[in-house]
Amino acid sequence: MNARRSATALIATVAASAALAASGTAYASGGSDDHGRHGGGKASVVRASHSCSTGVIKLKAKHDDGGIEVEAEVDTNRKGQTWSVQVRDNGVSVYKGKRTTHAPSGSFSLERRIANRAGKDVITVRATRGRSTCAVKVTA
């Protein structure tokens, strides 16, 4: 009986690990996770993250109602840091401003709705604080 429980626990652990590994791969590769309908069509979500010397920067972009919803997050695990942030779409600046990390996570987020330019959109977010720069990009 004890061997049967151990085998069941092992199978459950392997299945859970495989599910976590698959979801991590989809996130890193820019896979789509939004299968709902919004604005009359299937929403396509692209994601990317990048580790930098001071933390992690994440970017998510989704086509929606003729525009693109852009969400960025910088997580440094330190509250009170002020960062200069710039969002670019195909090299054109669509946002420039300052953001401050907040407790309890020591992060900030930025949400913007930008125009959907002709062709593929290469969206870049760059956050700078002193000599530290974090940058990430996606193609939407």
N, C-alpha and C. Protein backbone atom coordinates (compact mmCIF):
# COMPACT_ATOMS: atom_id res chain seq x y z
N MET A 1 0.82 -1.19 0.00
CA MET A 1 0.00 0.00 0.00
C MET A 1 0.87 1.26 0.00
N ASN A 2 1.93 1.29 0.79
CA ASN A 2 2.82 2.42 0.87
C ASN A 2 3.53 2.65 -0.47
N ALA A 3 3.92 1.60 -1.16
CA ALA A 3 4.57 1.70 -2.47
C ALA A 3 3.60 2.29 -3.49
N ARG A 4 2.33 1.95 -3.40
CA ARG A 4 1.31 2.47 -4.32
C ARG A 4 1.16 3.98 -4.14
N ARG A 5 1.12 4.46 -2.88
CA ARG A 5 1.03 5.90 -2.61
C ARG A 5 2.27 6.62 -3.12
N SER A 6 3.43 6.05 -2.93
CA SER A 6 4.67 6.66 -3.40
C SER A 6 4.69 6.78 -4.92
N ALA A 7 4.23 5.76 -5.61
CA ALA A 7 4.17 5.79 -7.07
C ALA A 7 3.19 6.86 -7.54
N THR A 8 2.04 6.96 -6.89
CA THR A 8 1.04 7.96 -7.25
C THR A 8 1.59 9.37 -7.02
N ALA A 9 2.27 9.57 -5.90
CA ALA A 9 2.86 10.87 -5.61
C ALA A 9 3.93 11.23 -6.63
N LEU A 10 4.73 10.25 -7.04
CA LEU A 10 5.78 10.48 -8.03
C LEU A 10 5.16 10.88 -9.37
N ILE A 11 4.11 10.19 -9.79
CA ILE A 11 3.44 10.52 -11.06
C ILE A 11 2.85 11.92 -11.00
N ALA A 12 2.23 12.28 -9.88
CA ALA A 12 1.66 13.61 -9.74
C ALA A 12 2.74 14.69 -9.79
N THR A 13 3.87 14.43 -9.17
CA THR A 13 4.98 15.39 -9.18
C THR A 13 5.54 15.57 -10.58
N VAL A 14 5.72 14.48 -11.30
CA VAL A 14 6.23 14.56 -12.68
C VAL A 14 5.25 15.32 -13.57
N ALA A 15 3.96 15.05 -13.43
CA ALA A 15 2.95 15.74 -14.25
C ALA A 15 2.94 17.24 -13.95
N ALA A 16 3.02 17.61 -12.67
CA ALA A 16 3.03 19.03 -12.30
C ALA A 16 4.29 19.71 -12.82
N SER A 17 5.43 19.05 -12.73
CA SER A 17 6.68 19.62 -13.23
C SER A 17 6.62 19.83 -14.74
N ALA A 18 6.06 18.88 -15.46
CA ALA A 18 5.94 19.00 -16.91
C ALA A 18 5.03 20.17 -17.28
N ALA A 19 3.95 20.34 -16.55
CA ALA A 19 3.04 21.46 -16.82
C ALA A 19 3.72 22.79 -16.57
N LEU A 20 4.48 22.91 -15.48
CA LEU A 20 5.20 24.15 -15.19
C LEU A 20 6.27 24.43 -16.24
N ALA A 21 6.98 23.40 -16.67
CA ALA A 21 8.01 23.59 -17.68
C ALA A 21 7.40 24.06 -18.99
N ALA A 22 6.27 23.51 -19.38
CA ALA A 22 5.60 23.90 -20.62
C ALA A 22 5.14 25.34 -20.56
N SER A 23 4.59 25.78 -19.42
CA SER A 23 4.12 27.16 -19.32
C SER A 23 5.28 28.13 -19.32
N GLY A 24 6.40 27.78 -18.71
CA GLY A 24 7.57 28.64 -18.72
C GLY A 24 8.14 28.80 -20.11
N THR A 25 8.13 27.73 -20.90
CA THR A 25 8.61 27.80 -22.28
C THR A 25 7.72 28.69 -23.12
N ALA A 26 6.42 28.60 -22.96
CA ALA A 26 5.50 29.45 -23.74
C ALA A 26 5.71 30.90 -23.39
N TYR A 27 5.96 31.23 -22.12
CA TYR A 27 6.18 32.62 -21.73
C TYR A 27 7.46 33.16 -22.34
N ALA A 28 8.53 32.39 -22.27
CA ALA A 28 9.82 32.86 -22.77
C ALA A 28 9.85 32.99 -24.28
N SER A 29 9.10 32.16 -24.98
CA SER A 29 9.15 32.19 -26.44
C SER A 29 8.17 33.16 -27.05
N GLY A 30 7.38 33.85 -26.22
CA GLY A 30 6.43 34.80 -26.76
C GLY A 30 5.16 34.14 -27.23
N GLY A 31 4.81 33.02 -26.64
CA GLY A 31 3.61 32.29 -27.03
C GLY A 31 2.34 33.04 -26.67
N SER A 32 1.27 32.72 -27.35
CA SER A 32 -0.01 33.36 -27.10
C SER A 32 -0.74 32.63 -25.99
N ASP A 33 -1.27 33.41 -25.03
CA ASP A 33 -2.02 32.78 -23.96
C ASP A 33 -3.43 33.31 -23.86
N ASP A 34 -3.83 34.22 -24.72
CA ASP A 34 -5.16 34.80 -24.66
C ASP A 34 -5.99 34.22 -25.79
N HIS A 35 -6.86 33.29 -25.45
CA HIS A 35 -7.66 32.63 -26.48
C HIS A 35 -9.06 33.19 -26.57
N GLY A 36 -9.33 34.26 -25.86
CA GLY A 36 -10.66 34.85 -25.89
C GLY A 36 -10.81 35.79 -27.06
N ARG A 37 -12.05 36.11 -27.39
CA ARG A 37 -12.34 37.06 -28.46
C ARG A 37 -12.47 38.44 -27.86
N HIS A 38 -11.88 39.43 -28.52
CA HIS A 38 -11.99 40.80 -28.08
C HIS A 38 -11.86 41.68 -29.31
N GLY A 39 -12.81 42.53 -29.52
CA GLY A 39 -12.74 43.41 -30.68
C GLY A 39 -13.01 42.68 -31.97
N GLY A 40 -13.73 41.55 -31.93
CA GLY A 40 -14.13 40.87 -33.14
C GLY A 40 -13.12 39.88 -33.68
N GLY A 41 -11.95 39.73 -33.08
CA GLY A 41 -10.96 38.79 -33.59
C GLY A 41 -10.23 38.13 -32.46
N LYS A 42 -9.43 37.16 -32.82
CA LYS A 42 -8.66 36.45 -31.81
C LYS A 42 -7.47 37.31 -31.40
N ALA A 43 -7.35 37.55 -30.11
CA ALA A 43 -6.26 38.38 -29.61
C ALA A 43 -4.97 37.58 -29.61
N SER A 44 -3.90 38.20 -30.08
CA SER A 44 -2.59 37.57 -30.11
C SER A 44 -1.70 38.27 -29.10
N VAL A 45 -1.21 37.54 -28.12
CA VAL A 45 -0.39 38.10 -27.06
C VAL A 45 1.05 37.65 -27.27
N VAL A 46 1.98 38.60 -27.21
CA VAL A 46 3.40 38.28 -27.24
C VAL A 46 4.03 38.80 -25.96
N ARG A 47 4.96 38.04 -25.44
CA ARG A 47 5.61 38.37 -24.18
C ARG A 47 7.11 38.16 -24.28
N ALA A 48 7.82 38.93 -23.49
CA ALA A 48 9.27 38.73 -23.37
C ALA A 48 9.71 39.24 -22.01
N SER A 49 10.77 38.67 -21.51
CA SER A 49 11.36 39.17 -20.26
C SER A 49 12.87 39.09 -20.41
N HIS A 50 13.53 39.92 -19.62
CA HIS A 50 14.98 39.96 -19.68
C HIS A 50 15.52 40.29 -18.30
N SER A 51 16.53 39.56 -17.87
CA SER A 51 17.21 39.87 -16.61
C SER A 51 18.29 40.91 -16.89
N CYS A 52 18.36 41.89 -16.00
CA CYS A 52 19.41 42.89 -16.11
C CYS A 52 20.13 42.96 -14.76
N SER A 53 21.13 43.78 -14.65
CA SER A 53 21.96 43.80 -13.45
C SER A 53 21.17 44.15 -12.18
N THR A 54 20.06 44.84 -12.32
CA THR A 54 19.31 45.29 -11.14
C THR A 54 17.99 44.56 -10.94
N GLY A 55 17.60 43.70 -11.84
CA GLY A 55 16.32 43.00 -11.69
C GLY A 55 15.85 42.36 -12.98
N VAL A 56 14.54 42.44 -13.19
CA VAL A 56 13.92 41.82 -14.36
C VAL A 56 12.97 42.83 -15.01
N ILE A 57 12.96 42.87 -16.33
CA ILE A 57 12.01 43.68 -17.06
C ILE A 57 11.15 42.74 -17.90
N LYS A 58 9.84 42.97 -17.89
CA LYS A 58 8.90 42.14 -18.63
C LYS A 58 8.08 43.04 -19.56
N LEU A 59 7.70 42.49 -20.71
CA LEU A 59 6.90 43.23 -21.68
C LEU A 59 5.86 42.31 -22.26
N LYS A 60 4.65 42.82 -22.39
CA LYS A 60 3.54 42.08 -22.98
C LYS A 60 2.83 43.03 -23.93
N ALA A 61 2.50 42.55 -25.13
CA ALA A 61 1.78 43.36 -26.11
C ALA A 61 0.66 42.51 -26.72
N LYS A 62 -0.50 43.16 -26.93
CA LYS A 62 -1.66 42.45 -27.45
C LYS A 62 -2.43 43.37 -28.38
N HIS A 63 -2.72 42.87 -29.59
CA HIS A 63 -3.57 43.61 -30.52
C HIS A 63 -4.98 43.65 -29.97
N ASP A 64 -5.60 44.84 -30.02
CA ASP A 64 -6.94 44.98 -29.47
C ASP A 64 -7.65 46.17 -30.11
N ASP A 65 -8.76 45.92 -30.76
CA ASP A 65 -9.62 46.97 -31.36
C ASP A 65 -8.83 47.96 -32.20
N GLY A 66 -7.95 47.49 -33.05
CA GLY A 66 -7.20 48.34 -33.96
C GLY A 66 -5.97 48.98 -33.35
N GLY A 67 -5.73 48.78 -32.08
CA GLY A 67 -4.54 49.31 -31.41
C GLY A 67 -3.75 48.18 -30.79
N ILE A 68 -2.76 48.54 -30.00
CA ILE A 68 -1.95 47.54 -29.30
C ILE A 68 -1.89 47.94 -27.82
N GLU A 69 -2.28 47.02 -26.96
CA GLU A 69 -2.15 47.22 -25.52
C GLU A 69 -0.75 46.78 -25.12
N VAL A 70 -0.01 47.66 -24.48
CA VAL A 70 1.36 47.38 -24.07
C VAL A 70 1.41 47.44 -22.55
N GLU A 71 1.96 46.40 -21.94
CA GLU A 71 2.17 46.37 -20.49
C GLU A 71 3.63 46.03 -20.23
N ALA A 72 4.27 46.86 -19.41
CA ALA A 72 5.66 46.62 -19.04
C ALA A 72 5.78 46.64 -17.53
N GLU A 73 6.73 45.87 -17.01
CA GLU A 73 6.99 45.84 -15.58
C GLU A 73 8.48 45.73 -15.34
N VAL A 74 8.98 46.52 -14.41
CA VAL A 74 10.36 46.41 -13.95
C VAL A 74 10.31 46.03 -12.49
N ASP A 75 11.00 44.96 -12.14
CA ASP A 75 11.02 44.45 -10.77
C ASP A 75 12.46 44.41 -10.28
N THR A 76 12.76 45.25 -9.28
CA THR A 76 14.12 45.32 -8.74
C THR A 76 14.19 44.83 -7.29
N ASN A 77 13.06 44.54 -6.70
CA ASN A 77 12.97 44.15 -5.29
C ASN A 77 13.42 45.25 -4.33
N ARG A 78 13.40 46.49 -4.79
CA ARG A 78 13.75 47.64 -3.94
C ARG A 78 12.75 48.75 -4.18
N LYS A 79 12.07 49.19 -3.12
CA LYS A 79 11.10 50.27 -3.26
C LYS A 79 11.79 51.62 -3.28
N GLY A 80 11.14 52.60 -3.92
CA GLY A 80 11.63 53.97 -3.92
C GLY A 80 12.62 54.32 -5.00
N GLN A 81 12.90 53.43 -5.95
CA GLN A 81 13.83 53.74 -7.04
C GLN A 81 13.06 54.43 -8.17
N THR A 82 13.61 55.54 -8.68
CA THR A 82 12.99 56.24 -9.79
C THR A 82 13.74 55.90 -11.08
N TRP A 83 12.98 55.48 -12.08
CA TRP A 83 13.52 55.05 -13.37
C TRP A 83 12.99 55.95 -14.49
N SER A 84 13.83 56.23 -15.48
CA SER A 84 13.39 56.88 -16.71
C SER A 84 12.99 55.77 -17.67
N VAL A 85 11.79 55.87 -18.24
CA VAL A 85 11.26 54.80 -19.08
C VAL A 85 10.89 55.36 -20.45
N GLN A 86 11.23 54.60 -21.48
CA GLN A 86 10.84 54.96 -22.83
C GLN A 86 10.28 53.73 -23.54
N VAL A 87 9.14 53.94 -24.21
CA VAL A 87 8.53 52.90 -25.03
C VAL A 87 8.62 53.36 -26.47
N ARG A 88 9.10 52.47 -27.33
CA ARG A 88 9.21 52.78 -28.76
C ARG A 88 8.47 51.74 -29.59
N ASP A 89 7.88 52.19 -30.67
CA ASP A 89 7.22 51.31 -31.63
C ASP A 89 7.87 51.56 -32.99
N ASN A 90 8.60 50.59 -33.50
CA ASN A 90 9.35 50.72 -34.75
C ASN A 90 10.27 51.95 -34.72
N GLY A 91 10.91 52.18 -33.57
CA GLY A 91 11.86 53.28 -33.44
C GLY A 91 11.24 54.62 -33.08
N VAL A 92 9.90 54.72 -33.12
CA VAL A 92 9.22 55.97 -32.81
C VAL A 92 8.82 55.97 -31.33
N SER A 93 9.21 57.01 -30.60
CA SER A 93 8.88 57.10 -29.18
C SER A 93 7.37 57.29 -29.01
N VAL A 94 6.75 56.40 -28.23
CA VAL A 94 5.31 56.50 -27.96
C VAL A 94 5.04 56.79 -26.48
N TYR A 95 6.06 56.74 -25.64
CA TYR A 95 5.96 57.12 -24.23
C TYR A 95 7.35 57.41 -23.70
N LYS A 96 7.43 58.48 -22.91
CA LYS A 96 8.68 58.81 -22.22
C LYS A 96 8.29 59.44 -20.89
N GLY A 97 8.80 58.88 -19.80
CA GLY A 97 8.45 59.41 -18.49
C GLY A 97 9.24 58.74 -17.39
N LYS A 98 8.85 59.03 -16.15
CA LYS A 98 9.53 58.46 -14.98
C LYS A 98 8.54 57.60 -14.21
N ARG A 99 9.06 56.53 -13.63
CA ARG A 99 8.28 55.62 -12.79
C ARG A 99 9.10 55.29 -11.55
N THR A 100 8.40 55.04 -10.45
CA THR A 100 9.05 54.72 -9.19
C THR A 100 8.59 53.35 -8.70
N THR A 101 9.54 52.56 -8.23
CA THR A 101 9.21 51.24 -7.68
C THR A 101 8.49 51.41 -6.35
N HIS A 102 7.52 50.54 -6.10
CA HIS A 102 6.68 50.64 -4.91
C HIS A 102 6.74 49.35 -4.09
N ALA A 103 6.44 49.48 -2.80
CA ALA A 103 6.33 48.33 -1.91
C ALA A 103 5.05 47.57 -2.25
N PRO A 104 4.91 46.32 -1.97
CA PRO A 104 5.88 45.49 -1.28
C PRO A 104 6.86 44.80 -2.23
N SER A 105 6.58 44.82 -3.53
CA SER A 105 7.39 44.02 -4.45
C SER A 105 8.63 44.73 -4.98
N GLY A 106 8.71 46.05 -4.84
CA GLY A 106 9.85 46.78 -5.38
C GLY A 106 9.80 46.81 -6.90
N SER A 107 8.59 47.03 -7.42
CA SER A 107 8.43 47.04 -8.88
C SER A 107 7.51 48.19 -9.28
N PHE A 108 7.49 48.46 -10.58
CA PHE A 108 6.49 49.37 -11.14
C PHE A 108 5.99 48.77 -12.44
N SER A 109 4.81 49.19 -12.84
CA SER A 109 4.28 48.74 -14.12
C SER A 109 3.80 49.94 -14.91
N LEU A 110 3.71 49.74 -16.20
CA LEU A 110 3.31 50.78 -17.13
C LEU A 110 2.36 50.16 -18.14
N GLU A 111 1.22 50.76 -18.33
CA GLU A 111 0.25 50.27 -19.32
C GLU A 111 -0.06 51.40 -20.28
N ARG A 112 0.01 51.12 -21.56
CA ARG A 112 -0.29 52.10 -22.59
C ARG A 112 -1.01 51.41 -23.74
N ARG A 113 -1.87 52.17 -24.39
CA ARG A 113 -2.52 51.72 -25.63
C ARG A 113 -1.91 52.56 -26.73
N ILE A 114 -1.30 51.89 -27.71
CA ILE A 114 -0.62 52.62 -28.79
C ILE A 114 -1.26 52.25 -30.12
N ALA A 115 -0.98 53.08 -31.13
CA ALA A 115 -1.52 52.84 -32.47
C ALA A 115 -0.87 51.60 -33.08
N ASN A 116 -1.63 50.91 -33.89
CA ASN A 116 -1.10 49.76 -34.62
C ASN A 116 -0.59 50.26 -35.96
N ARG A 117 0.69 50.39 -36.09
CA ARG A 117 1.31 50.88 -37.33
C ARG A 117 1.27 49.78 -38.39
N ALA A 118 1.44 50.17 -39.63
CA ALA A 118 1.42 49.20 -40.74
C ALA A 118 2.56 48.20 -40.56
N GLY A 119 2.28 46.94 -40.90
CA GLY A 119 3.29 45.89 -40.81
C GLY A 119 3.49 45.42 -39.40
N LYS A 120 4.61 44.73 -39.18
CA LYS A 120 4.95 44.22 -37.86
C LYS A 120 5.37 45.38 -36.96
N ASP A 121 4.97 45.33 -35.72
CA ASP A 121 5.36 46.34 -34.75
C ASP A 121 6.45 45.78 -33.85
N VAL A 122 7.61 46.42 -33.85
CA VAL A 122 8.69 46.05 -32.94
C VAL A 122 8.62 47.05 -31.78
N ILE A 123 8.17 46.55 -30.63
CA ILE A 123 7.95 47.39 -29.47
C ILE A 123 9.10 47.15 -28.49
N THR A 124 9.74 48.25 -28.09
CA THR A 124 10.88 48.19 -27.19
C THR A 124 10.60 49.03 -25.95
N VAL A 125 10.92 48.49 -24.79
CA VAL A 125 10.83 49.24 -23.54
C VAL A 125 12.23 49.29 -22.95
N ARG A 126 12.64 50.50 -22.58
CA ARG A 126 13.97 50.71 -22.00
C ARG A 126 13.80 51.51 -20.71
N ALA A 127 14.32 50.98 -19.62
CA ALA A 127 14.27 51.66 -18.33
C ALA A 127 15.69 51.92 -17.87
N THR A 128 15.97 53.16 -17.46
CA THR A 128 17.32 53.55 -17.07
C THR A 128 17.29 54.22 -15.70
N ARG A 129 18.25 53.85 -14.87
CA ARG A 129 18.44 54.47 -13.56
C ARG A 129 19.94 54.54 -13.32
N GLY A 130 20.50 55.75 -13.37
CA GLY A 130 21.94 55.90 -13.22
C GLY A 130 22.66 55.17 -14.35
N ARG A 131 23.54 54.25 -13.97
CA ARG A 131 24.27 53.46 -14.97
C ARG A 131 23.55 52.17 -15.35
N SER A 132 22.45 51.89 -14.67
CA SER A 132 21.71 50.64 -14.92
C SER A 132 20.66 50.85 -16.00
N THR A 133 20.65 49.94 -16.97
CA THR A 133 19.65 49.96 -18.02
C THR A 133 19.08 48.57 -18.20
N CYS A 134 17.76 48.52 -18.27
CA CYS A 134 17.05 47.27 -18.56
C CYS A 134 16.25 47.51 -19.83
N ALA A 135 16.31 46.59 -20.78
CA ALA A 135 15.57 46.75 -22.03
C ALA A 135 15.05 45.40 -22.50
N VAL A 136 13.91 45.45 -23.17
CA VAL A 136 13.30 44.24 -23.72
C VAL A 136 12.47 44.65 -24.93
N LYS A 137 12.29 43.71 -25.88
CA LYS A 137 11.47 44.02 -27.05
C LYS A 137 10.67 42.81 -27.48
N VAL A 138 9.56 43.09 -28.15
CA VAL A 138 8.72 42.06 -28.76
C VAL A 138 8.33 42.52 -30.15
N THR A 139 7.94 41.58 -30.98
CA THR A 139 7.38 41.90 -32.29
C THR A 139 5.93 41.48 -32.28
N ALA A 140 5.05 42.46 -32.49
CA ALA A 140 3.61 42.20 -32.42
C ALA A 140 3.00 42.24 -33.80
